[in-house]
């Protein structure tokens, strides 16, 4: 009896492991998708009528889609990371800079973009012609631009749609009072 059960177990194992069905349909192309990054060294031009500094428009050196996410960083210099080593320091935009202590004067590095190009600006709450100190914050500025691939969401559900999916009328949602 033991030999018969052993024979059936081995036979069924061989039978099921050697079966192969029709191949399924091909899937979506795979692989890793990485953000693309480039750097731009820019000088700002003052626009007196708007009291802002702005750069020329910088074309993306690769294809960018309207749904992609664009991040920008300003180079701050090098910093000590220990053991006598240094590394680049990058600050994400927008970046506010307090111009003079106790004056409330602030200017801000910012950017705007389309899926074709990017432009950097310096905006402030005072006459920006005064910010040309040592070092000059309007010349020889290095920015790192990262474009992260993304897709627009296929749906944009309303609150009613979400409550329906949750199978609730909203009475079970916790309310927080501040």
N, C-alpha and C. Protein backbone atom coordinates (compact mmCIF):
# COMPACT_ATOMS: atom_id res chain seq x y z
N UNK A 1 0.82 -1.19 0.00
CA UNK A 1 0.00 0.00 0.00
C UNK A 1 0.86 1.26 0.00
N UNK A 2 1.95 1.20 0.83
CA UNK A 2 2.84 2.35 0.89
C UNK A 2 3.48 2.60 -0.46
N UNK A 3 3.84 1.53 -1.15
CA UNK A 3 4.48 1.68 -2.46
C UNK A 3 3.53 2.30 -3.49
N UNK A 4 2.28 1.95 -3.41
CA UNK A 4 1.30 2.51 -4.35
C UNK A 4 1.11 4.01 -4.10
N UNK A 5 0.99 4.40 -2.84
CA UNK A 5 0.85 5.83 -2.51
C UNK A 5 2.10 6.61 -2.93
N UNK A 6 3.26 6.04 -2.70
CA UNK A 6 4.50 6.69 -3.11
C UNK A 6 4.55 6.83 -4.62
N UNK A 7 4.14 5.77 -5.35
CA UNK A 7 4.12 5.80 -6.81
C UNK A 7 3.15 6.86 -7.31
N UNK A 8 1.98 6.97 -6.72
CA UNK A 8 0.98 7.97 -7.13
C UNK A 8 1.48 9.39 -6.83
N UNK A 9 2.11 9.59 -5.70
CA UNK A 9 2.63 10.91 -5.35
C UNK A 9 3.71 11.34 -6.33
N UNK A 10 4.64 10.44 -6.64
CA UNK A 10 5.71 10.77 -7.60
C UNK A 10 5.15 11.00 -8.99
N UNK A 11 4.21 10.18 -9.40
CA UNK A 11 3.61 10.31 -10.74
C UNK A 11 2.89 11.64 -10.88
N UNK A 12 2.10 12.00 -9.88
CA UNK A 12 1.35 13.26 -9.97
C UNK A 12 2.31 14.46 -9.92
N UNK A 13 3.38 14.37 -9.17
CA UNK A 13 4.37 15.45 -9.12
C UNK A 13 5.00 15.65 -10.49
N UNK A 14 5.40 14.57 -11.12
CA UNK A 14 6.01 14.66 -12.45
C UNK A 14 5.00 15.16 -13.47
N UNK A 15 3.77 14.68 -13.38
CA UNK A 15 2.73 15.06 -14.33
C UNK A 15 2.45 16.55 -14.26
N UNK A 16 2.28 17.08 -13.05
CA UNK A 16 1.91 18.49 -12.91
C UNK A 16 3.07 19.44 -13.14
N UNK A 17 4.29 19.01 -12.90
CA UNK A 17 5.42 19.91 -13.12
C UNK A 17 5.83 19.94 -14.58
N UNK A 18 5.42 18.97 -15.36
CA UNK A 18 5.83 18.96 -16.76
C UNK A 18 4.78 19.54 -17.68
N UNK A 19 3.63 19.94 -17.15
CA UNK A 19 2.57 20.51 -17.99
C UNK A 19 2.88 21.97 -18.28
N UNK A 20 2.58 22.37 -19.49
CA UNK A 20 2.78 23.76 -19.87
C UNK A 20 1.62 24.15 -20.77
N UNK A 21 1.01 25.28 -20.47
CA UNK A 21 -0.12 25.74 -21.26
C UNK A 21 0.32 26.73 -22.31
N UNK A 22 -0.67 27.29 -23.01
CA UNK A 22 -0.38 28.32 -24.00
C UNK A 22 0.19 29.54 -23.31
N UNK A 23 1.13 30.23 -23.98
CA UNK A 23 1.67 31.45 -23.36
C UNK A 23 0.59 32.54 -23.32
N UNK A 24 0.62 33.33 -22.29
CA UNK A 24 -0.35 34.42 -22.15
C UNK A 24 0.03 35.59 -23.03
N UNK A 25 -0.82 36.59 -23.04
CA UNK A 25 -0.52 37.77 -23.85
C UNK A 25 0.70 38.50 -23.30
N UNK A 26 1.43 39.21 -24.16
CA UNK A 26 2.61 39.94 -23.66
C UNK A 26 2.18 41.06 -22.72
N UNK A 27 2.99 41.30 -21.72
CA UNK A 27 2.70 42.35 -20.74
C UNK A 27 3.26 43.69 -21.16
N UNK A 28 3.06 44.66 -20.29
CA UNK A 28 3.60 46.00 -20.52
C UNK A 28 5.13 45.92 -20.52
N UNK A 29 5.78 46.78 -21.29
CA UNK A 29 7.24 46.78 -21.25
C UNK A 29 7.72 47.08 -19.83
N UNK A 30 8.66 46.31 -19.37
CA UNK A 30 9.14 46.46 -18.00
C UNK A 30 10.42 47.26 -17.93
N UNK A 31 11.13 47.07 -16.88
CA UNK A 31 12.39 47.77 -16.69
C UNK A 31 12.23 48.87 -15.67
N UNK A 32 13.33 49.37 -15.22
CA UNK A 32 13.32 50.45 -14.25
C UNK A 32 13.19 51.79 -14.95
N UNK A 33 12.47 52.70 -14.34
CA UNK A 33 12.31 54.03 -14.87
C UNK A 33 12.99 54.98 -13.90
N UNK A 34 13.93 55.73 -14.38
CA UNK A 34 14.69 56.64 -13.52
C UNK A 34 14.34 58.08 -13.84
N UNK A 35 14.50 58.93 -12.85
CA UNK A 35 14.40 60.36 -13.08
C UNK A 35 15.61 60.79 -13.90
N UNK A 36 15.41 61.80 -14.71
CA UNK A 36 16.53 62.34 -15.47
C UNK A 36 16.94 63.66 -14.82
N UNK A 37 18.23 63.89 -14.77
CA UNK A 37 18.78 65.04 -14.06
C UNK A 37 19.79 65.75 -14.93
N UNK A 38 19.77 67.10 -14.87
CA UNK A 38 20.82 67.88 -15.51
C UNK A 38 21.07 69.13 -14.68
N UNK A 39 22.19 69.78 -14.93
CA UNK A 39 22.54 70.99 -14.20
C UNK A 39 22.65 72.16 -15.16
N UNK A 40 22.37 73.35 -14.64
CA UNK A 40 22.47 74.58 -15.43
C UNK A 40 23.18 75.64 -14.59
N UNK A 41 24.15 76.30 -15.19
CA UNK A 41 24.85 77.40 -14.55
C UNK A 41 24.29 78.67 -15.17
N UNK A 42 23.67 79.54 -14.36
CA UNK A 42 22.92 80.67 -14.91
C UNK A 42 23.30 81.99 -14.26
N UNK A 43 23.01 83.06 -14.98
CA UNK A 43 23.05 84.42 -14.47
C UNK A 43 21.64 84.99 -14.55
N UNK A 44 21.26 85.79 -13.59
CA UNK A 44 19.95 86.40 -13.56
C UNK A 44 20.00 87.80 -14.15
N UNK A 45 18.91 88.21 -14.80
CA UNK A 45 18.75 89.56 -15.33
C UNK A 45 17.66 90.26 -14.54
N UNK A 46 17.92 91.53 -14.17
CA UNK A 46 16.94 92.28 -13.39
C UNK A 46 15.87 92.86 -14.30
N UNK A 47 14.60 92.74 -13.88
CA UNK A 47 13.47 93.29 -14.60
C UNK A 47 12.89 94.39 -13.71
N UNK A 48 13.27 95.67 -13.96
CA UNK A 48 12.87 96.75 -13.05
C UNK A 48 11.36 96.93 -12.91
N UNK A 49 10.61 96.76 -13.99
CA UNK A 49 9.16 96.98 -13.93
C UNK A 49 8.46 95.99 -13.00
N UNK A 50 9.07 94.83 -12.77
CA UNK A 50 8.48 93.81 -11.91
C UNK A 50 9.26 93.59 -10.61
N UNK A 51 10.41 94.25 -10.50
CA UNK A 51 11.30 94.09 -9.35
C UNK A 51 11.61 92.62 -9.09
N UNK A 52 11.98 91.91 -10.16
CA UNK A 52 12.40 90.52 -10.03
C UNK A 52 13.65 90.30 -10.87
N UNK A 53 14.37 89.25 -10.54
CA UNK A 53 15.44 88.75 -11.39
C UNK A 53 14.92 87.48 -12.05
N UNK A 54 15.31 87.26 -13.29
CA UNK A 54 14.92 86.03 -13.97
C UNK A 54 16.03 85.59 -14.91
N UNK A 55 16.04 84.30 -15.20
CA UNK A 55 17.01 83.75 -16.14
C UNK A 55 16.34 83.61 -17.50
N UNK A 56 17.13 83.30 -18.48
CA UNK A 56 16.57 82.92 -19.77
C UNK A 56 15.86 81.58 -19.60
N UNK A 57 15.02 81.23 -20.56
CA UNK A 57 14.38 79.92 -20.53
C UNK A 57 15.42 78.87 -20.91
N UNK A 58 15.48 77.80 -20.15
CA UNK A 58 16.43 76.72 -20.37
C UNK A 58 15.67 75.52 -20.90
N UNK A 59 16.02 75.09 -22.10
CA UNK A 59 15.34 73.94 -22.72
C UNK A 59 15.77 72.66 -22.01
N UNK A 60 14.81 71.75 -21.82
CA UNK A 60 15.16 70.43 -21.28
C UNK A 60 15.97 69.68 -22.33
N UNK A 61 17.07 69.03 -21.95
CA UNK A 61 17.90 68.31 -22.92
C UNK A 61 17.38 66.90 -23.24
N UNK A 62 16.17 66.59 -22.80
CA UNK A 62 15.56 65.29 -23.06
C UNK A 62 14.04 65.52 -23.09
N UNK A 63 13.31 64.48 -23.49
CA UNK A 63 11.86 64.60 -23.62
C UNK A 63 11.21 64.61 -22.24
N UNK A 64 10.32 65.59 -22.04
CA UNK A 64 9.57 65.73 -20.79
C UNK A 64 8.09 65.75 -21.16
N UNK A 65 7.28 65.07 -20.37
CA UNK A 65 5.84 65.04 -20.61
C UNK A 65 5.13 65.96 -19.63
N UNK A 66 3.93 66.40 -20.00
CA UNK A 66 3.20 67.33 -19.13
C UNK A 66 2.92 66.76 -17.76
N UNK A 67 2.81 65.45 -17.65
CA UNK A 67 2.51 64.83 -16.36
C UNK A 67 3.75 64.64 -15.48
N UNK A 68 4.95 64.79 -16.04
CA UNK A 68 6.17 64.58 -15.27
C UNK A 68 6.32 65.63 -14.17
N UNK A 69 6.99 65.25 -13.11
CA UNK A 69 7.22 66.14 -11.97
C UNK A 69 8.61 66.74 -12.11
N UNK A 70 8.69 68.07 -12.00
CA UNK A 70 9.97 68.76 -12.12
C UNK A 70 10.36 69.31 -10.75
N UNK A 71 11.56 68.96 -10.31
CA UNK A 71 12.12 69.44 -9.04
C UNK A 71 13.39 70.22 -9.35
N UNK A 72 13.65 71.27 -8.59
CA UNK A 72 14.85 72.07 -8.82
C UNK A 72 15.57 72.31 -7.50
N UNK A 73 16.90 72.31 -7.58
CA UNK A 73 17.76 72.48 -6.41
C UNK A 73 18.84 73.51 -6.73
N UNK A 74 19.22 74.31 -5.74
CA UNK A 74 20.27 75.31 -5.89
C UNK A 74 21.52 74.83 -5.15
N UNK A 75 22.66 74.95 -5.82
CA UNK A 75 23.94 74.55 -5.24
C UNK A 75 24.36 75.56 -4.20
N UNK A 76 24.66 75.07 -2.98
CA UNK A 76 25.04 75.93 -1.86
C UNK A 76 26.54 75.91 -1.58
N UNK A 77 27.26 74.98 -2.18
CA UNK A 77 28.68 74.85 -1.91
C UNK A 77 28.99 73.43 -1.44
N UNK A 78 30.11 73.28 -0.75
CA UNK A 78 30.50 71.95 -0.27
C UNK A 78 30.47 71.96 1.25
N UNK A 79 30.13 70.81 1.81
CA UNK A 79 30.05 70.68 3.26
C UNK A 79 30.83 69.47 3.75
N UNK A 80 31.30 69.55 4.96
CA UNK A 80 32.07 68.47 5.58
C UNK A 80 31.13 67.33 5.96
N UNK A 81 31.45 66.11 5.52
CA UNK A 81 30.63 64.95 5.87
C UNK A 81 31.40 63.99 6.77
N UNK A 82 32.54 64.42 7.29
CA UNK A 82 33.32 63.60 8.22
C UNK A 82 34.49 62.93 7.53
N UNK A 83 35.43 62.49 8.33
CA UNK A 83 36.64 61.81 7.86
C UNK A 83 37.40 62.62 6.82
N UNK A 84 37.32 63.94 6.91
CA UNK A 84 38.04 64.80 5.97
C UNK A 84 37.42 64.85 4.58
N UNK A 85 36.22 64.31 4.42
CA UNK A 85 35.56 64.30 3.12
C UNK A 85 34.49 65.39 3.06
N UNK A 86 34.24 65.87 1.84
CA UNK A 86 33.19 66.86 1.62
C UNK A 86 32.23 66.35 0.55
N UNK A 87 31.05 66.97 0.51
CA UNK A 87 30.04 66.63 -0.49
C UNK A 87 29.29 67.90 -0.88
N UNK A 88 28.71 67.88 -2.07
CA UNK A 88 27.90 69.01 -2.53
C UNK A 88 26.67 69.17 -1.65
N UNK A 89 26.29 70.43 -1.41
CA UNK A 89 25.08 70.75 -0.67
C UNK A 89 24.08 71.35 -1.65
N UNK A 90 22.88 70.78 -1.71
CA UNK A 90 21.82 71.24 -2.61
C UNK A 90 20.59 71.59 -1.78
N UNK A 91 19.97 72.73 -2.07
CA UNK A 91 18.76 73.17 -1.39
C UNK A 91 17.61 73.18 -2.38
N UNK A 92 16.51 72.53 -2.01
CA UNK A 92 15.36 72.46 -2.91
C UNK A 92 14.66 73.81 -3.01
N UNK A 93 14.20 74.13 -4.21
CA UNK A 93 13.45 75.37 -4.44
C UNK A 93 11.97 75.12 -4.21
N UNK A 94 11.22 76.13 -3.77
CA UNK A 94 11.67 77.50 -3.52
C UNK A 94 12.52 77.59 -2.25
N UNK A 95 13.42 78.55 -2.26
CA UNK A 95 14.33 78.77 -1.14
C UNK A 95 14.26 80.23 -0.73
N UNK A 96 13.90 80.49 0.51
CA UNK A 96 13.83 81.86 1.02
C UNK A 96 15.15 82.23 1.67
N UNK A 97 15.56 83.48 1.46
CA UNK A 97 16.80 83.99 2.03
C UNK A 97 16.46 85.27 2.80
N UNK A 98 16.79 85.31 4.09
CA UNK A 98 16.58 86.52 4.88
C UNK A 98 17.75 87.45 4.59
N UNK A 99 17.44 88.62 4.01
CA UNK A 99 18.48 89.49 3.49
C UNK A 99 19.26 90.19 4.60
N UNK A 100 18.61 90.95 5.43
CA UNK A 100 19.28 91.64 6.53
C UNK A 100 18.57 91.30 7.83
N UNK A 101 19.33 91.12 8.89
CA UNK A 101 18.73 90.80 10.19
C UNK A 101 17.78 91.91 10.64
N UNK A 102 16.69 91.51 11.24
CA UNK A 102 15.71 92.41 11.86
C UNK A 102 15.06 93.42 10.91
N UNK A 103 15.14 93.21 9.60
CA UNK A 103 14.48 94.13 8.68
C UNK A 103 13.21 93.53 8.08
N UNK A 104 13.10 92.21 8.11
CA UNK A 104 11.96 91.55 7.48
C UNK A 104 12.13 91.41 5.97
N UNK A 105 13.30 91.82 5.45
CA UNK A 105 13.55 91.70 4.02
C UNK A 105 13.89 90.26 3.66
N UNK A 106 13.14 89.72 2.70
CA UNK A 106 13.31 88.34 2.28
C UNK A 106 13.27 88.30 0.77
N UNK A 107 14.18 87.52 0.18
CA UNK A 107 14.03 87.21 -1.24
C UNK A 107 14.02 85.70 -1.40
N UNK A 108 13.50 85.27 -2.55
CA UNK A 108 13.28 83.84 -2.73
C UNK A 108 13.69 83.40 -4.12
N UNK A 109 14.49 82.33 -4.17
CA UNK A 109 14.78 81.65 -5.44
C UNK A 109 13.58 80.77 -5.74
N UNK A 110 13.08 80.85 -6.96
CA UNK A 110 11.92 80.07 -7.35
C UNK A 110 12.10 79.64 -8.80
N UNK A 111 11.16 78.88 -9.32
CA UNK A 111 11.22 78.47 -10.71
C UNK A 111 9.82 78.21 -11.24
N UNK A 112 9.70 78.26 -12.55
CA UNK A 112 8.48 77.84 -13.22
C UNK A 112 8.90 77.05 -14.44
N UNK A 113 8.00 76.21 -14.94
CA UNK A 113 8.39 75.36 -16.06
C UNK A 113 7.18 74.97 -16.88
N UNK A 114 7.45 74.55 -18.10
CA UNK A 114 6.49 73.87 -18.94
C UNK A 114 7.10 72.49 -19.20
N UNK A 115 6.55 71.74 -20.11
CA UNK A 115 7.18 70.46 -20.44
C UNK A 115 8.27 70.66 -21.49
N UNK A 116 8.54 71.92 -21.85
CA UNK A 116 9.57 72.24 -22.83
C UNK A 116 10.80 72.88 -22.18
N UNK A 117 10.56 73.74 -21.17
CA UNK A 117 11.67 74.50 -20.61
C UNK A 117 11.41 74.86 -19.15
N UNK A 118 12.44 75.47 -18.54
CA UNK A 118 12.38 75.89 -17.14
C UNK A 118 13.02 77.27 -17.04
N UNK A 119 12.53 78.08 -16.10
CA UNK A 119 13.09 79.41 -15.86
C UNK A 119 13.18 79.63 -14.36
N UNK A 120 14.27 80.26 -13.91
CA UNK A 120 14.47 80.55 -12.50
C UNK A 120 14.24 82.03 -12.24
N UNK A 121 13.71 82.35 -11.05
CA UNK A 121 13.45 83.74 -10.68
C UNK A 121 13.94 84.00 -9.26
N UNK A 122 14.18 85.27 -8.99
CA UNK A 122 14.42 85.74 -7.62
C UNK A 122 13.37 86.82 -7.38
N UNK A 123 12.55 86.61 -6.35
CA UNK A 123 11.48 87.54 -6.01
C UNK A 123 11.69 87.98 -4.57
N UNK A 124 11.27 89.20 -4.25
CA UNK A 124 11.45 89.66 -2.89
C UNK A 124 10.46 90.72 -2.48
N UNK A 125 10.52 91.12 -1.21
CA UNK A 125 9.60 92.12 -0.68
C UNK A 125 10.27 93.48 -0.49
N UNK A 126 11.37 93.72 -1.20
CA UNK A 126 12.08 94.99 -1.12
C UNK A 126 12.78 95.22 -2.47
N UNK A 127 13.42 96.35 -2.64
CA UNK A 127 14.11 96.67 -3.89
C UNK A 127 15.27 95.69 -4.08
N UNK A 128 15.12 94.78 -5.04
CA UNK A 128 16.09 93.70 -5.22
C UNK A 128 17.41 94.14 -5.84
N UNK A 129 17.53 95.38 -6.27
CA UNK A 129 18.82 95.83 -6.80
C UNK A 129 19.87 95.87 -5.71
N UNK A 130 19.46 95.76 -4.46
CA UNK A 130 20.39 95.80 -3.32
C UNK A 130 21.03 94.47 -2.98
N UNK A 131 20.64 93.37 -3.62
CA UNK A 131 21.13 92.07 -3.16
C UNK A 131 22.47 91.65 -3.76
N UNK A 132 23.09 92.48 -4.56
CA UNK A 132 24.36 92.12 -5.18
C UNK A 132 25.53 92.18 -4.22
N UNK A 133 25.56 91.31 -3.24
CA UNK A 133 26.63 91.27 -2.24
C UNK A 133 27.76 90.35 -2.69
N UNK A 134 28.67 90.11 -1.78
CA UNK A 134 29.76 89.17 -2.03
C UNK A 134 29.48 87.90 -1.26
N UNK A 135 29.19 86.77 -1.86
CA UNK A 135 29.10 86.55 -3.29
C UNK A 135 27.77 87.04 -3.86
N UNK A 136 27.79 87.39 -5.12
CA UNK A 136 26.60 87.91 -5.80
C UNK A 136 25.59 86.78 -6.01
N UNK A 137 24.40 86.90 -5.43
CA UNK A 137 23.40 85.83 -5.57
C UNK A 137 22.70 85.78 -6.92
N UNK A 138 23.12 86.66 -7.84
CA UNK A 138 22.46 86.70 -9.16
C UNK A 138 23.35 86.20 -10.29
N UNK A 139 24.61 85.88 -10.00
CA UNK A 139 25.51 85.42 -11.07
C UNK A 139 26.12 84.08 -10.71
N UNK A 140 26.41 83.33 -11.76
CA UNK A 140 27.10 82.05 -11.61
C UNK A 140 26.40 81.11 -10.62
N UNK A 141 25.08 81.04 -10.71
CA UNK A 141 24.30 80.17 -9.84
C UNK A 141 24.11 78.82 -10.53
N UNK A 142 24.32 77.75 -9.78
CA UNK A 142 24.19 76.40 -10.34
C UNK A 142 22.90 75.77 -9.80
N UNK A 143 22.10 75.28 -10.72
CA UNK A 143 20.85 74.62 -10.37
C UNK A 143 20.87 73.20 -10.91
N UNK A 144 20.33 72.29 -10.14
CA UNK A 144 20.16 70.90 -10.58
C UNK A 144 18.66 70.68 -10.76
N UNK A 145 18.31 70.18 -11.92
CA UNK A 145 16.91 69.97 -12.26
C UNK A 145 16.68 68.47 -12.42
N UNK A 146 15.70 67.95 -11.70
CA UNK A 146 15.34 66.53 -11.78
C UNK A 146 13.93 66.42 -12.34
N UNK A 147 13.77 65.58 -13.36
CA UNK A 147 12.45 65.33 -13.94
C UNK A 147 12.08 63.90 -13.61
N UNK A 148 11.03 63.75 -12.82
CA UNK A 148 10.58 62.44 -12.36
C UNK A 148 9.41 62.01 -13.23
N UNK A 149 9.53 60.86 -13.90
CA UNK A 149 8.43 60.39 -14.74
C UNK A 149 7.18 60.14 -13.91
N UNK A 150 6.05 60.54 -14.44
CA UNK A 150 4.78 60.33 -13.76
C UNK A 150 3.67 60.27 -14.80
N UNK A 151 2.53 59.79 -14.38
CA UNK A 151 1.36 59.75 -15.25
C UNK A 151 0.21 60.41 -14.52
N UNK A 152 -0.66 61.09 -15.29
CA UNK A 152 -1.86 61.64 -14.70
C UNK A 152 -2.73 60.48 -14.21
N UNK A 153 -3.41 60.67 -13.10
CA UNK A 153 -4.30 59.64 -12.60
C UNK A 153 -5.40 59.37 -13.62
N UNK A 154 -5.77 58.14 -13.73
CA UNK A 154 -6.80 57.77 -14.71
C UNK A 154 -8.18 58.25 -14.28
N UNK A 155 -8.39 58.43 -12.99
CA UNK A 155 -9.68 58.92 -12.50
C UNK A 155 -9.43 60.03 -11.50
N UNK A 156 -10.45 60.81 -11.31
CA UNK A 156 -10.40 61.86 -10.30
C UNK A 156 -11.68 61.73 -9.48
N UNK A 157 -11.70 60.80 -8.52
CA UNK A 157 -12.96 60.51 -7.83
C UNK A 157 -13.41 61.67 -6.95
N UNK A 158 -14.72 61.82 -6.86
CA UNK A 158 -15.30 62.81 -5.96
C UNK A 158 -15.40 62.20 -4.56
N UNK A 159 -15.75 63.00 -3.57
CA UNK A 159 -15.92 62.49 -2.21
C UNK A 159 -17.06 61.48 -2.18
N UNK A 160 -18.13 61.72 -2.94
CA UNK A 160 -19.24 60.77 -2.99
C UNK A 160 -18.77 59.42 -3.54
N UNK A 161 -17.92 59.45 -4.59
CA UNK A 161 -17.38 58.21 -5.15
C UNK A 161 -16.57 57.44 -4.12
N UNK A 162 -15.75 58.17 -3.36
CA UNK A 162 -14.92 57.52 -2.34
C UNK A 162 -15.78 56.91 -1.23
N UNK A 163 -16.82 57.64 -0.80
CA UNK A 163 -17.70 57.11 0.24
C UNK A 163 -18.43 55.87 -0.25
N UNK A 164 -18.80 55.85 -1.54
CA UNK A 164 -19.47 54.68 -2.10
C UNK A 164 -18.54 53.47 -2.10
N UNK A 165 -17.29 53.68 -2.48
CA UNK A 165 -16.32 52.58 -2.47
C UNK A 165 -16.11 52.08 -1.04
N UNK A 166 -16.10 53.01 -0.09
CA UNK A 166 -15.91 52.63 1.32
C UNK A 166 -17.19 52.04 1.93
N UNK A 167 -18.29 52.11 1.20
CA UNK A 167 -19.59 51.62 1.65
C UNK A 167 -19.99 52.27 2.97
N UNK A 168 -19.93 53.59 2.99
CA UNK A 168 -20.31 54.36 4.17
C UNK A 168 -21.01 55.64 3.72
N UNK A 169 -21.71 56.24 4.66
CA UNK A 169 -22.36 57.52 4.34
C UNK A 169 -21.56 58.70 4.85
N UNK A 170 -20.43 58.44 5.43
CA UNK A 170 -19.57 59.50 5.94
C UNK A 170 -19.71 59.71 7.44
N UNK A 171 -20.68 59.07 8.06
CA UNK A 171 -20.88 59.28 9.51
C UNK A 171 -19.78 58.61 10.32
N UNK A 172 -19.08 57.63 9.74
CA UNK A 172 -18.03 56.94 10.48
C UNK A 172 -16.66 57.61 10.32
N UNK A 173 -16.60 58.68 9.55
CA UNK A 173 -15.32 59.38 9.37
C UNK A 173 -15.05 60.22 10.61
N UNK A 174 -13.87 60.03 11.17
CA UNK A 174 -13.48 60.75 12.38
C UNK A 174 -13.26 62.23 12.05
N UNK A 175 -13.84 63.07 12.87
CA UNK A 175 -13.69 64.53 12.70
C UNK A 175 -12.75 65.04 13.76
N UNK A 176 -11.80 65.87 13.37
CA UNK A 176 -10.81 66.42 14.28
C UNK A 176 -11.05 67.92 14.40
N UNK A 177 -11.19 68.41 15.60
CA UNK A 177 -11.40 69.83 15.82
C UNK A 177 -10.09 70.45 16.27
N UNK A 178 -9.75 71.56 15.67
CA UNK A 178 -8.50 72.25 16.02
C UNK A 178 -8.77 73.44 16.88
